[in-house]
Amino acid sequence: MAADCYLVYTTTASKGDAEKVARIIAQKRLSACTQIEGPISSIYWWQGELEKDREWKCTFKTTKQKYAELEQEIKKIHPYDIPEIIAIPIEKGSFEYVEWLKSELKENFES
């Protein structure tokens, strides 16, 4: 069932940071796949100031069961004080892809 899977987003200030976060998350089997896009432009409020930065967007593919651990790990390793962490349930997806995603994150793979 696709609803048991999430797309989780975060952004980083550099491609190197994005790759580091993605690699750690993958090694811990908290995401079956992470895509890195960038650079993107972000305009946002931070500490009372309007900011504009280049960032890299990470999209993690994970399961509902892994989300809490994924969120905690991102907070632990992310260089931002308050990293963006947004999860969106996957409403629909191809059966084969969803089954692959879930199979890559089964508990028996954890180290």
PDB file of N, CA and C in Angstrom:
ATOM      1  N   MET A   1       0.845  -1.186   0.000  1.00  0.00           N
ATOM      2  CA  MET A   1       0.000   0.000   0.000  1.00  0.00           C
ATOM      3  C   MET A   1       0.889   1.247   0.000  1.00  0.00           C
ATOM      4  N   ALA A   2       0.705   2.116  -0.985  1.00  0.00           N
ATOM      5  CA  ALA A   2       1.553   3.307  -1.130  1.00  0.00           C
ATOM      6  C   ALA A   2       1.404   4.260   0.043  1.00  0.00           C
ATOM      7  N   ALA A   3       0.248   4.297   0.689  1.00  0.00           N
ATOM      8  CA  ALA A   3       0.025   5.226   1.802  1.00  0.00           C
ATOM      9  C   ALA A   3       0.950   4.944   2.978  1.00  0.00           C
ATOM     10  N   ASP A   4       1.584   3.799   3.010  1.00  0.00           N
ATOM     11  CA  ASP A   4       2.557   3.479   4.056  1.00  0.00           C
ATOM     12  C   ASP A   4       3.934   4.053   3.750  1.00  0.00           C
ATOM     13  N   CYS A   5       4.048   4.763   2.633  1.00  0.00           N
ATOM     14  CA  CYS A   5       5.340   5.319   2.208  1.00  0.00           C
ATOM     15  C   CYS A   5       5.259   6.839   2.170  1.00  0.00           C
ATOM     16  N   TYR A   6       6.406   7.469   2.418  1.00  0.00           N
ATOM     17  CA  TYR A   6       6.491   8.928   2.452  1.00  0.00           C
ATOM     18  C   TYR A   6       7.614   9.429   1.556  1.00  0.00           C
ATOM     19  N   LEU A   7       7.421  10.644   1.048  1.00  0.00           N
ATOM     20  CA  LEU A   7       8.506  11.450   0.504  1.00  0.00           C
ATOM     21  C   LEU A   7       8.833  12.453   1.599  1.00  0.00           C
ATOM     22  N   VAL A   8      10.099  12.538   1.981  1.00  0.00           N
ATOM     23  CA  VAL A   8      10.527  13.446   3.042  1.00  0.00           C
ATOM     24  C   VAL A   8      11.557  14.392   2.444  1.00  0.00           C
ATOM     25  N   TYR A   9      11.350  15.685   2.680  1.00  0.00           N
ATOM     26  CA  TYR A   9      12.220  16.710   2.103  1.00  0.00           C
ATOM     27  C   TYR A   9      13.048  17.409   3.166  1.00  0.00           C
ATOM     28  N   THR A  10      14.277  17.739   2.784  1.00  0.00           N
ATOM     29  CA  THR A  10      15.098  18.663   3.547  1.00  0.00           C
ATOM     30  C   THR A  10      15.970  19.415   2.545  1.00  0.00           C
ATOM     31  N   THR A  11      16.559  20.505   2.986  1.00  0.00           N
ATOM     32  CA  THR A  11      17.489  21.251   2.149  1.00  0.00           C
ATOM     33  C   THR A  11      18.782  21.460   2.914  1.00  0.00           C
ATOM     34  N   THR A  12      19.869  21.642   2.158  1.00  0.00           N
ATOM     35  CA  THR A  12      21.176  21.913   2.751  1.00  0.00           C
ATOM     36  C   THR A  12      21.821  23.079   2.011  1.00  0.00           C
ATOM     37  N   ALA A  13      22.856  23.632   2.613  1.00  0.00           N
ATOM     38  CA  ALA A  13      23.530  24.795   2.025  1.00  0.00           C
ATOM     39  C   ALA A  13      24.540  24.419   0.943  1.00  0.00           C
ATOM     40  N   SER A  14      24.929  23.153   0.885  1.00  0.00           N
ATOM     41  CA  SER A  14      25.923  22.753  -0.113  1.00  0.00           C
ATOM     42  C   SER A  14      25.627  21.352  -0.637  1.00  0.00           C
ATOM     43  N   LYS A  15      26.135  21.075  -1.815  1.00  0.00           N
ATOM     44  CA  LYS A  15      25.984  19.748  -2.407  1.00  0.00           C
ATOM     45  C   LYS A  15      26.685  18.709  -1.531  1.00  0.00           C
ATOM     46  N   GLY A  16      27.834  19.069  -0.989  1.00  0.00           N
ATOM     47  CA  GLY A  16      28.567  18.160  -0.111  1.00  0.00           C
ATOM     48  C   GLY A  16      27.763  17.783   1.123  1.00  0.00           C
ATOM     49  N   ASP A  17      27.107  18.765   1.736  1.00  0.00           N
ATOM     50  CA  ASP A  17      26.250  18.474   2.897  1.00  0.00           C
ATOM     51  C   ASP A  17      25.091  17.569   2.502  1.00  0.00           C
ATOM     52  N   ALA A  18      24.486  17.836   1.355  1.00  0.00           N
ATOM     53  CA  ALA A  18      23.370  17.008   0.887  1.00  0.00           C
ATOM     54  C   ALA A  18      23.824  15.566   0.681  1.00  0.00           C
ATOM     55  N   GLU A  19      24.984  15.385   0.064  1.00  0.00           N
ATOM     56  CA  GLU A  19      25.491  14.040  -0.177  1.00  0.00           C
ATOM     57  C   GLU A  19      25.846  13.331   1.128  1.00  0.00           C
ATOM     58  N   LYS A  20      26.395  14.064   2.083  1.00  0.00           N
ATOM     59  CA  LYS A  20      26.726  13.478   3.384  1.00  0.00           C
ATOM     60  C   LYS A  20      25.462  13.005   4.100  1.00  0.00           C
ATOM     61  N   VAL A  21      24.444  13.857   4.151  1.00  0.00           N
ATOM     62  CA  VAL A  21      23.188  13.498   4.808  1.00  0.00           C
ATOM     63  C   VAL A  21      22.573  12.292   4.094  1.00  0.00           C
ATOM     64  N   ALA A  22      22.515  12.330   2.775  1.00  0.00           N
ATOM     65  CA  ALA A  22      21.915  11.232   2.003  1.00  0.00           C
ATOM     66  C   ALA A  22      22.650   9.913   2.242  1.00  0.00           C
ATOM     67  N   ARG A  23      23.974   9.948   2.271  1.00  0.00           N
ATOM     68  CA  ARG A  23      24.757   8.725   2.465  1.00  0.00           C
ATOM     69  C   ARG A  23      24.524   8.131   3.858  1.00  0.00           C
ATOM     70  N   ILE A  24      24.532   8.951   4.884  1.00  0.00           N
ATOM     71  CA  ILE A  24      24.312   8.450   6.252  1.00  0.00           C
ATOM     72  C   ILE A  24      22.917   7.845   6.378  1.00  0.00           C
ATOM     73  N   ILE A  25      21.931   8.528   5.823  1.00  0.00           N
ATOM     74  CA  ILE A  25      20.550   8.036   5.894  1.00  0.00           C
ATOM     75  C   ILE A  25      20.434   6.699   5.146  1.00  0.00           C
ATOM     76  N   ALA A  26      21.060   6.599   3.997  1.00  0.00           N
ATOM     77  CA  ALA A  26      21.019   5.343   3.231  1.00  0.00           C
ATOM     78  C   ALA A  26      21.733   4.217   3.978  1.00  0.00           C
ATOM     79  N   GLN A  27      22.899   4.517   4.537  1.00  0.00           N
ATOM     80  CA  GLN A  27      23.644   3.489   5.271  1.00  0.00           C
ATOM     81  C   GLN A  27      22.859   2.949   6.449  1.00  0.00           C
ATOM     82  N   LYS A  28      22.054   3.791   7.064  1.00  0.00           N
ATOM     83  CA  LYS A  28      21.253   3.370   8.215  1.00  0.00           C
ATOM     84  C   LYS A  28      19.921   2.748   7.778  1.00  0.00           C
ATOM     85  N   ARG A  29      19.721   2.622   6.472  1.00  0.00           N
ATOM     86  CA  ARG A  29      18.498   2.044   5.900  1.00  0.00           C
ATOM     87  C   ARG A  29      17.239   2.768   6.365  1.00  0.00           C
ATOM     88  N   LEU A  30      17.336   4.106   6.411  1.00  0.00           N
ATOM     89  CA  LEU A  30      16.174   4.920   6.760  1.00  0.00           C
ATOM     90  C   LEU A  30      15.487   5.462   5.511  1.00  0.00           C
ATOM     91  N   SER A  31      16.137   5.325   4.379  1.00  0.00           N
ATOM     92  CA  SER A  31      15.582   5.720   3.089  1.00  0.00           C
ATOM     93  C   SER A  31      16.044   4.703   2.057  1.00  0.00           C
ATOM     94  N   ALA A  32      15.125   4.267   1.210  1.00  0.00           N
ATOM     95  CA  ALA A  32      15.488   3.331   0.145  1.00  0.00           C
ATOM     96  C   ALA A  32      16.236   4.052  -0.969  1.00  0.00           C
ATOM     97  N   CYS A  33      15.972   5.340  -1.107  1.00  0.00           N
ATOM     98  CA  CYS A  33      16.590   6.147  -2.152  1.00  0.00           C
ATOM     99  C   CYS A  33      16.501   7.604  -1.726  1.00  0.00           C
ATOM    100  N   THR A  34      17.517   8.378  -2.051  1.00  0.00           N
ATOM    101  CA  THR A  34      17.470   9.822  -1.840  1.00  0.00           C
ATOM    102  C   THR A  34      17.889  10.501  -3.131  1.00  0.00           C
ATOM    103  N   GLN A  35      17.099  11.435  -3.586  1.00  0.00           N
ATOM    104  CA  GLN A  35      17.446  12.231  -4.750  1.00  0.00           C
ATOM    105  C   GLN A  35      17.916  13.597  -4.274  1.00  0.00           C
ATOM    106  N   ILE A  36      18.958  14.109  -4.927  1.00  0.00           N
ATOM    107  CA  ILE A  36      19.506  15.422  -4.598  1.00  0.00           C
ATOM    108  C   ILE A  36      19.333  16.318  -5.818  1.00  0.00           C
ATOM    109  N   GLU A  37      18.698  17.459  -5.606  1.00  0.00           N
ATOM    110  CA  GLU A  37      18.475  18.428  -6.677  1.00  0.00           C
ATOM    111  C   GLU A  37      19.100  19.754  -6.285  1.00  0.00           C
ATOM    112  N   GLY A  38      19.642  20.437  -7.267  1.00  0.00           N
ATOM    113  CA  GLY A  38      20.153  21.750  -6.962  1.00  0.00           C
ATOM    114  C   GLY A  38      21.201  22.207  -7.955  1.00  0.00           C
ATOM    115  N   PRO A  39      21.612  23.409  -7.755  1.00  0.00           N
ATOM    116  CA  PRO A  39      21.139  24.299  -6.699  1.00  0.00           C
ATOM    117  C   PRO A  39      19.742  24.848  -6.992  1.00  0.00           C
ATOM    118  N   ILE A  40      19.033  25.139  -5.914  1.00  0.00           N
ATOM    119  CA  ILE A  40      17.740  25.793  -5.979  1.00  0.00           C
ATOM    120  C   ILE A  40      17.868  27.116  -5.234  1.00  0.00           C
ATOM    121  N   SER A  41      16.982  28.042  -5.516  1.00  0.00           N
ATOM    122  CA  SER A  41      16.970  29.321  -4.797  1.00  0.00           C
ATOM    123  C   SER A  41      15.907  29.269  -3.718  1.00  0.00           C
ATOM    124  N   SER A  42      16.277  29.688  -2.521  1.00  0.00           N
ATOM    125  CA  SER A  42      15.341  29.745  -1.406  1.00  0.00           C
ATOM    126  C   SER A  42      15.316  31.165  -0.856  1.00  0.00           C
ATOM    127  N   ILE A  43      14.119  31.672  -0.684  1.00  0.00           N
ATOM    128  CA  ILE A  43      13.918  32.980  -0.066  1.00  0.00           C
ATOM    129  C   ILE A  43      13.051  32.725   1.160  1.00  0.00           C
ATOM    130  N   TYR A  44      13.546  33.144   2.323  1.00  0.00           N
ATOM    131  CA  TYR A  44      12.887  32.775   3.574  1.00  0.00           C
ATOM    132  C   TYR A  44      13.232  33.775   4.672  1.00  0.00           C
ATOM    133  N   TRP A  45      12.409  33.740   5.724  1.00  0.00           N
ATOM    134  CA  TRP A  45      12.678  34.551   6.908  1.00  0.00           C
ATOM    135  C   TRP A  45      13.524  33.752   7.878  1.00  0.00           C
ATOM    136  N   TRP A  46      14.578  34.378   8.424  1.00  0.00           N
ATOM    137  CA  TRP A  46      15.406  33.755   9.447  1.00  0.00           C
ATOM    138  C   TRP A  46      15.855  34.836  10.424  1.00  0.00           C
ATOM    139  N   GLN A  47      15.505  34.676  11.666  1.00  0.00           N
ATOM    140  CA  GLN A  47      15.872  35.593  12.740  1.00  0.00           C
ATOM    141  C   GLN A  47      15.552  37.041  12.386  1.00  0.00           C
ATOM    142  N   GLY A  48      14.323  37.239  11.855  1.00  0.00           N
ATOM    143  CA  GLY A  48      13.831  38.580  11.566  1.00  0.00           C
ATOM    144  C   GLY A  48      14.334  39.193  10.277  1.00  0.00           C
ATOM    145  N   GLU A  49      15.127  38.471   9.528  1.00  0.00           N
ATOM    146  CA  GLU A  49      15.678  38.993   8.276  1.00  0.00           C
ATOM    147  C   GLU A  49      15.199  38.152   7.104  1.00  0.00           C
ATOM    148  N   LEU A  50      14.930  38.807   5.979  1.00  0.00           N
ATOM    149  CA  LEU A  50      14.591  38.102   4.754  1.00  0.00           C
ATOM    150  C   LEU A  50      15.892  37.670   4.090  1.00  0.00           C
ATOM    151  N   GLU A  51      16.030  36.374   3.866  1.00  0.00           N
ATOM    152  CA  GLU A  51      17.268  35.794   3.335  1.00  0.00           C
ATOM    153  C   GLU A  51      17.034  35.216   1.948  1.00  0.00           C
ATOM    154  N   LYS A  52      18.100  35.129   1.175  1.00  0.00           N
ATOM    155  CA  LYS A  52      18.088  34.441  -0.119  1.00  0.00           C
ATOM    156  C   LYS A  52      19.368  33.624  -0.204  1.00  0.00           C
ATOM    157  N   ASP A  53      19.205  32.321  -0.441  1.00  0.00           N
ATOM    158  CA  ASP A  53      20.360  31.423  -0.522  1.00  0.00           C
ATOM    159  C   ASP A  53      20.180  30.400  -1.618  1.00  0.00           C
ATOM    160  N   ARG A  54      21.314  29.846  -2.017  1.00  0.00           N
ATOM    161  CA  ARG A  54      21.314  28.657  -2.871  1.00  0.00           C
ATOM    162  C   ARG A  54      21.308  27.452  -1.943  1.00  0.00           C
ATOM    163  N   GLU A  55      20.475  26.483  -2.253  1.00  0.00           N
ATOM    164  CA  GLU A  55      20.408  25.275  -1.447  1.00  0.00           C
ATOM    165  C   GLU A  55      20.299  24.052  -2.352  1.00  0.00           C
ATOM    166  N   TRP A  56      20.459  22.896  -1.742  1.00  0.00           N
ATOM    167  CA  TRP A  56      20.292  21.614  -2.402  1.00  0.00           C
ATOM    168  C   TRP A  56      19.160  20.880  -1.684  1.00  0.00           C
ATOM    169  N   LYS A  57      18.251  20.331  -2.460  1.00  0.00           N
ATOM    170  CA  LYS A  57      17.070  19.658  -1.910  1.00  0.00           C
ATOM    171  C   LYS A  57      17.274  18.143  -1.930  1.00  0.00           C
ATOM    172  N   CYS A  58      17.041  17.527  -0.782  1.00  0.00           N
ATOM    173  CA  CYS A  58      17.100  16.067  -0.661  1.00  0.00           C
ATOM    174  C   CYS A  58      15.674  15.547  -0.543  1.00  0.00           C
ATOM    175  N   THR A  59      15.342  14.560  -1.339  1.00  0.00           N
ATOM    176  CA  THR A  59      14.057  13.889  -1.260  1.00  0.00           C
ATOM    177  C   THR A  59      14.310  12.441  -0.879  1.00  0.00           C
ATOM    178  N   PHE A  60      13.890  12.076   0.316  1.00  0.00           N
ATOM    179  CA  PHE A  60      14.066  10.719   0.830  1.00  0.00           C
ATOM    180  C   PHE A  60      12.804   9.920   0.558  1.00  0.00           C
ATOM    181  N   LYS A  61      12.950   8.651   0.169  1.00  0.00           N
ATOM    182  CA  LYS A  61      11.817   7.743   0.019  1.00  0.00           C
ATOM    183  C   LYS A  61      11.875   6.777   1.191  1.00  0.00           C
ATOM    184  N   THR A  62      10.846   6.807   2.030  1.00  0.00           N
ATOM    185  CA  THR A  62      10.874   6.012   3.251  1.00  0.00           C
ATOM    186  C   THR A  62       9.488   5.458   3.559  1.00  0.00           C
ATOM    187  N   THR A  63       9.394   4.749   4.660  1.00  0.00           N
ATOM    188  CA  THR A  63       8.108   4.183   5.086  1.00  0.00           C
ATOM    189  C   THR A  63       7.614   4.890   6.341  1.00  0.00           C
ATOM    190  N   LYS A  64       6.343   4.726   6.587  1.00  0.00           N
ATOM    191  CA  LYS A  64       5.722   5.287   7.788  1.00  0.00           C
ATOM    192  C   LYS A  64       6.441   4.790   9.039  1.00  0.00           C
ATOM    193  N   GLN A  65       6.833   3.526   9.041  1.00  0.00           N
ATOM    194  CA  GLN A  65       7.508   2.931  10.195  1.00  0.00           C
ATOM    195  C   GLN A  65       8.895   3.528  10.434  1.00  0.00           C
ATOM    196  N   LYS A  66       9.552   4.004   9.401  1.00  0.00           N
ATOM    197  CA  LYS A  66      10.910   4.551   9.526  1.00  0.00           C
ATOM    198  C   LYS A  66      10.933   6.063   9.725  1.00  0.00           C
ATOM    199  N   TYR A  67       9.770   6.730   9.567  1.00  0.00           N
ATOM    200  CA  TYR A  67       9.776   8.188   9.568  1.00  0.00           C
ATOM    201  C   TYR A  67      10.360   8.802  10.842  1.00  0.00           C
ATOM    202  N   ALA A  68       9.924   8.381  12.005  1.00  0.00           N
ATOM    203  CA  ALA A  68      10.386   9.018  13.253  1.00  0.00           C
ATOM    204  C   ALA A  68      11.902   8.901  13.399  1.00  0.00           C
ATOM    205  N   GLU A  69      12.440   7.740  13.075  1.00  0.00           N
ATOM    206  CA  GLU A  69      13.888   7.546  13.162  1.00  0.00           C
ATOM    207  C   GLU A  69      14.615   8.394  12.117  1.00  0.00           C
ATOM    208  N   LEU A  70      14.046   8.492  10.921  1.00  0.00           N
ATOM    209  CA  LEU A  70      14.620   9.337   9.871  1.00  0.00           C
ATOM    210  C   LEU A  70      14.657  10.792  10.315  1.00  0.00           C
ATOM    211  N   GLU A  71      13.553  11.275  10.852  1.00  0.00           N
ATOM    212  CA  GLU A  71      13.502  12.664  11.322  1.00  0.00           C
ATOM    213  C   GLU A  71      14.567  12.924  12.382  1.00  0.00           C
ATOM    214  N   GLN A  72      14.683  12.039  13.348  1.00  0.00           N
ATOM    215  CA  GLN A  72      15.682  12.217  14.415  1.00  0.00           C
ATOM    216  C   GLN A  72      17.102  12.202  13.863  1.00  0.00           C
ATOM    217  N   GLU A  73      17.370  11.326  12.909  1.00  0.00           N
ATOM    218  CA  GLU A  73      18.718  11.249  12.323  1.00  0.00           C
ATOM    219  C   GLU A  73      19.034  12.506  11.522  1.00  0.00           C
ATOM    220  N   ILE A  74      18.071  13.017  10.765  1.00  0.00           N
ATOM    221  CA  ILE A  74      18.302  14.265  10.024  1.00  0.00           C
ATOM    222  C   ILE A  74      18.644  15.382  11.004  1.00  0.00           C
ATOM    223  N   LYS A  75      17.876  15.515  12.077  1.00  0.00           N
ATOM    224  CA  LYS A  75      18.145  16.560  13.069  1.00  0.00           C
ATOM    225  C   LYS A  75      19.529  16.393  13.683  1.00  0.00           C
ATOM    226  N   LYS A  76      19.946  15.174  13.887  1.00  0.00           N
ATOM    227  CA  LYS A  76      21.245  14.884  14.510  1.00  0.00           C
ATOM    228  C   LYS A  76      22.420  15.270  13.610  1.00  0.00           C
ATOM    229  N   ILE A  77      22.311  15.004  12.310  1.00  0.00           N
ATOM    230  CA  ILE A  77      23.462  15.178  11.414  1.00  0.00           C
ATOM    231  C   ILE A  77      23.395  16.443  10.569  1.00  0.00           C
ATOM    232  N   HIS A  78      22.246  17.093  10.529  1.00  0.00           N
ATOM    233  CA  HIS A  78      22.060  18.246   9.638  1.00  0.00           C
ATOM    234  C   HIS A  78      22.809  19.464  10.174  1.00  0.00           C
ATOM    235  N   PRO A  79      23.467  20.231   9.296  1.00  0.00           N
ATOM    236  CA  PRO A  79      24.208  21.401   9.767  1.00  0.00           C
ATOM    237  C   PRO A  79      23.333  22.605  10.159  1.00  0.00           C
ATOM    238  N   TYR A  80      22.069  22.651   9.745  1.00  0.00           N
ATOM    239  CA  TYR A  80      21.204  23.781  10.097  1.00  0.00           C
ATOM    240  C   TYR A  80      20.714  23.658  11.538  1.00  0.00           C
ATOM    241  N   ASP A  81      20.493  24.804  12.179  1.00  0.00           N
ATOM    242  CA  ASP A  81      19.906  24.814  13.524  1.00  0.00           C
ATOM    243  C   ASP A  81      18.511  24.199  13.514  1.00  0.00           C
ATOM    244  N   ILE A  82      17.710  24.583  12.518  1.00  0.00           N
ATOM    245  CA  ILE A  82      16.348  24.060  12.375  1.00  0.00           C
ATOM    246  C   ILE A  82      16.182  23.610  10.924  1.00  0.00           C
ATOM    247  N   PRO A  83      16.515  22.356  10.626  1.00  0.00           N
ATOM    248  CA  PRO A  83      16.387  21.899   9.241  1.00  0.00           C
ATOM    249  C   PRO A  83      14.927  21.734   8.832  1.00  0.00           C
ATOM    250  N   GLU A  84      14.673  22.021   7.584  1.00  0.00           N
ATOM    251  CA  GLU A  84      13.358  21.723   7.014  1.00  0.00           C
ATOM    252  C   GLU A  84      13.211  20.206   6.973  1.00  0.00           C
ATOM    253  N   ILE A  85      12.141  19.700   7.549  1.00  0.00           N
ATOM    254  CA  ILE A  85      11.814  18.278   7.438  1.00  0.00           C
ATOM    255  C   ILE A  85      10.309  18.211   7.216  1.00  0.00           C
ATOM    256  N   ILE A  86       9.939  17.867   5.993  1.00  0.00           N
ATOM    257  CA  ILE A  86       8.534  17.805   5.618  1.00  0.00           C
ATOM    258  C   ILE A  86       8.268  16.435   5.011  1.00  0.00           C
ATOM    259  N   ALA A  87       7.247  15.748   5.525  1.00  0.00           N
ATOM    260  CA  ALA A  87       6.883  14.425   5.019  1.00  0.00           C
ATOM    261  C   ALA A  87       5.537  14.494   4.319  1.00  0.00           C
ATOM    262  N   ILE A  88       5.475  13.900   3.153  1.00  0.00           N
ATOM    263  CA  ILE A  88       4.241  13.849   2.379  1.00  0.00           C
ATOM    264  C   ILE A  88       3.938  12.385   2.077  1.00  0.00           C
ATOM    265  N   PRO A  89       2.766  11.913   2.478  1.00  0.00           N
ATOM    266  CA  PRO A  89       2.410  10.528   2.162  1.00  0.00           C
ATOM    267  C   PRO A  89       2.309  10.329   0.655  1.00  0.00           C
ATOM    268  N   ILE A  90       2.771   9.186   0.199  1.00  0.00           N
ATOM    269  CA  ILE A  90       2.624   8.821  -1.209  1.00  0.00           C
ATOM    270  C   ILE A  90       1.237   8.200  -1.355  1.00  0.00           C
ATOM    271  N   GLU A  91       0.353   8.913  -2.004  1.00  0.00           N
ATOM    272  CA  GLU A  91      -1.022   8.437  -2.145  1.00  0.00           C
ATOM    273  C   GLU A  91      -1.114   7.266  -3.107  1.00  0.00           C
ATOM    274  N   LYS A  92      -0.404   7.362  -4.218  1.00  0.00           N
ATOM    275  CA  LYS A  92      -0.411   6.299  -5.221  1.00  0.00           C
ATOM    276  C   LYS A  92       0.983   6.147  -5.782  1.00  0.00           C
ATOM    277  N   GLY A  93       1.280   4.948  -6.238  1.00  0.00           N
ATOM    278  CA  GLY A  93       2.560   4.664  -6.875  1.00  0.00           C
ATOM    279  C   GLY A  93       2.495   3.293  -7.520  1.00  0.00           C
ATOM    280  N   SER A  94       3.404   3.029  -8.435  1.00  0.00           N
ATOM    281  CA  SER A  94       3.372   1.714  -9.072  1.00  0.00           C
ATOM    282  C   SER A  94       3.616   0.638  -8.022  1.00  0.00           C
ATOM    283  N   PHE A  95       2.888  -0.442  -8.137  1.00  0.00           N
ATOM    284  CA  PHE A  95       2.985  -1.539  -7.179  1.00  0.00           C
ATOM    285  C   PHE A  95       4.429  -2.012  -7.035  1.00  0.00           C
ATOM    286  N   GLU A  96       5.118  -2.187  -8.162  1.00  0.00           N
ATOM    287  CA  GLU A  96       6.481  -2.715  -8.138  1.00  0.00           C
ATOM    288  C   GLU A  96       7.431  -1.760  -7.403  1.00  0.00           C
ATOM    289  N   TYR A  97       7.298  -0.454  -7.658  1.00  0.00           N
ATOM    290  CA  TYR A  97       8.181   0.506  -7.002  1.00  0.00           C
ATOM    291  C   TYR A  97       7.929   0.551  -5.500  1.00  0.00           C
ATOM    292  N   VAL A  98       6.666   0.610  -5.116  1.00  0.00           N
ATOM    293  CA  VAL A  98       6.327   0.666  -3.693  1.00  0.00           C
ATOM    294  C   VAL A  98       6.807  -0.591  -2.974  1.00  0.00           C
ATOM    295  N   GLU A  99       6.646  -1.749  -3.594  1.00  0.00           N
ATOM    296  CA  GLU A  99       7.122  -2.993  -2.976  1.00  0.00           C
ATOM    297  C   GLU A  99       8.644  -2.988  -2.844  1.00  0.00           C
ATOM    298  N   TRP A 100       9.346  -2.473  -3.862  1.00  0.00           N
ATOM    299  CA  TRP A 100      10.809  -2.377  -3.781  1.00  0.00           C
ATOM    300  C   TRP A 100      11.212  -1.468  -2.627  1.00  0.00           C
ATOM    301  N   LEU A 101      10.578  -0.292  -2.548  1.00  0.00           N
ATOM    302  CA  LEU A 101      10.894   0.672  -1.492  1.00  0.00           C
ATOM    303  C   LEU A 101      10.741   0.011  -0.118  1.00  0.00           C
ATOM    304  N   LYS A 102       9.614  -0.636   0.104  1.00  0.00           N
ATOM    305  CA  LYS A 102       9.366  -1.261   1.406  1.00  0.00           C
ATOM    306  C   LYS A 102      10.345  -2.398   1.671  1.00  0.00           C
ATOM    307  N   SER A 103      10.667  -3.164   0.645  1.00  0.00           N
ATOM    308  CA  SER A 103      11.576  -4.307   0.852  1.00  0.00           C
ATOM    309  C   SER A 103      12.987  -3.848   1.228  1.00  0.00           C
ATOM    310  N   GLU A 104      13.397  -2.690   0.743  1.00  0.00           N
ATOM    311  CA  GLU A 104      14.732  -2.179   1.065  1.00  0.00           C
ATOM    312  C   GLU A 104      14.835  -1.678   2.502  1.00  0.00           C
ATOM    313  N   LEU A 105      13.701  -1.434   3.140  1.00  0.00           N
ATOM    314  CA  LEU A 105      13.706  -0.871   4.487  1.00  0.00           C
ATOM    315  C   LEU A 105      13.203  -1.845   5.548  1.00  0.00           C
ATOM    316  N   LYS A 106      13.071  -3.114   5.195  1.00  0.00           N
ATOM    317  CA  LYS A 106      12.616  -4.107   6.171  1.00  0.00           C
ATOM    318  C   LYS A 106      13.607  -4.213   7.313  1.00  0.00           C
ATOM    319  N   GLU A 107      13.090  -4.529   8.468  1.00  0.00           N
ATOM    320  CA  GLU A 107      13.889  -4.593   9.694  1.00  0.00           C
ATOM    321  C   GLU A 107      15.085  -5.525   9.605  1.00  0.00           C
ATOM    322  N   ASN A 108      14.984  -6.609   8.852  1.00  0.00           N
ATOM    323  CA  ASN A 108      16.094  -7.561   8.806  1.00  0.00           C
ATOM    324  C   ASN A 108      17.347  -6.997   8.136  1.00  0.00           C
ATOM    325  N   PHE A 109      17.244  -5.819   7.515  1.00  0.00           N
ATOM    326  CA  PHE A 109      18.415  -5.197   6.897  1.00  0.00           C
ATOM    327  C   PHE A 109      19.174  -4.295   7.864  1.00  0.00           C
ATOM    328  N   GLU A 110      18.574  -3.969   8.988  1.00  0.00           N
ATOM    329  CA  GLU A 110      19.202  -2.995   9.893  1.00  0.00           C
ATOM    330  C   GLU A 110      20.508  -3.535  10.445  1.00  0.00           C
ATOM    331  N   SER A 111      21.442  -2.616  10.591  1.00  0.00           N
ATOM    332  CA  SER A 111      22.748  -2.996  11.137  1.00  0.00           C
ATOM    333  C   SER A 111      22.830  -2.684  12.607  1.00  0.00           C
TER     334      SER A 111
END
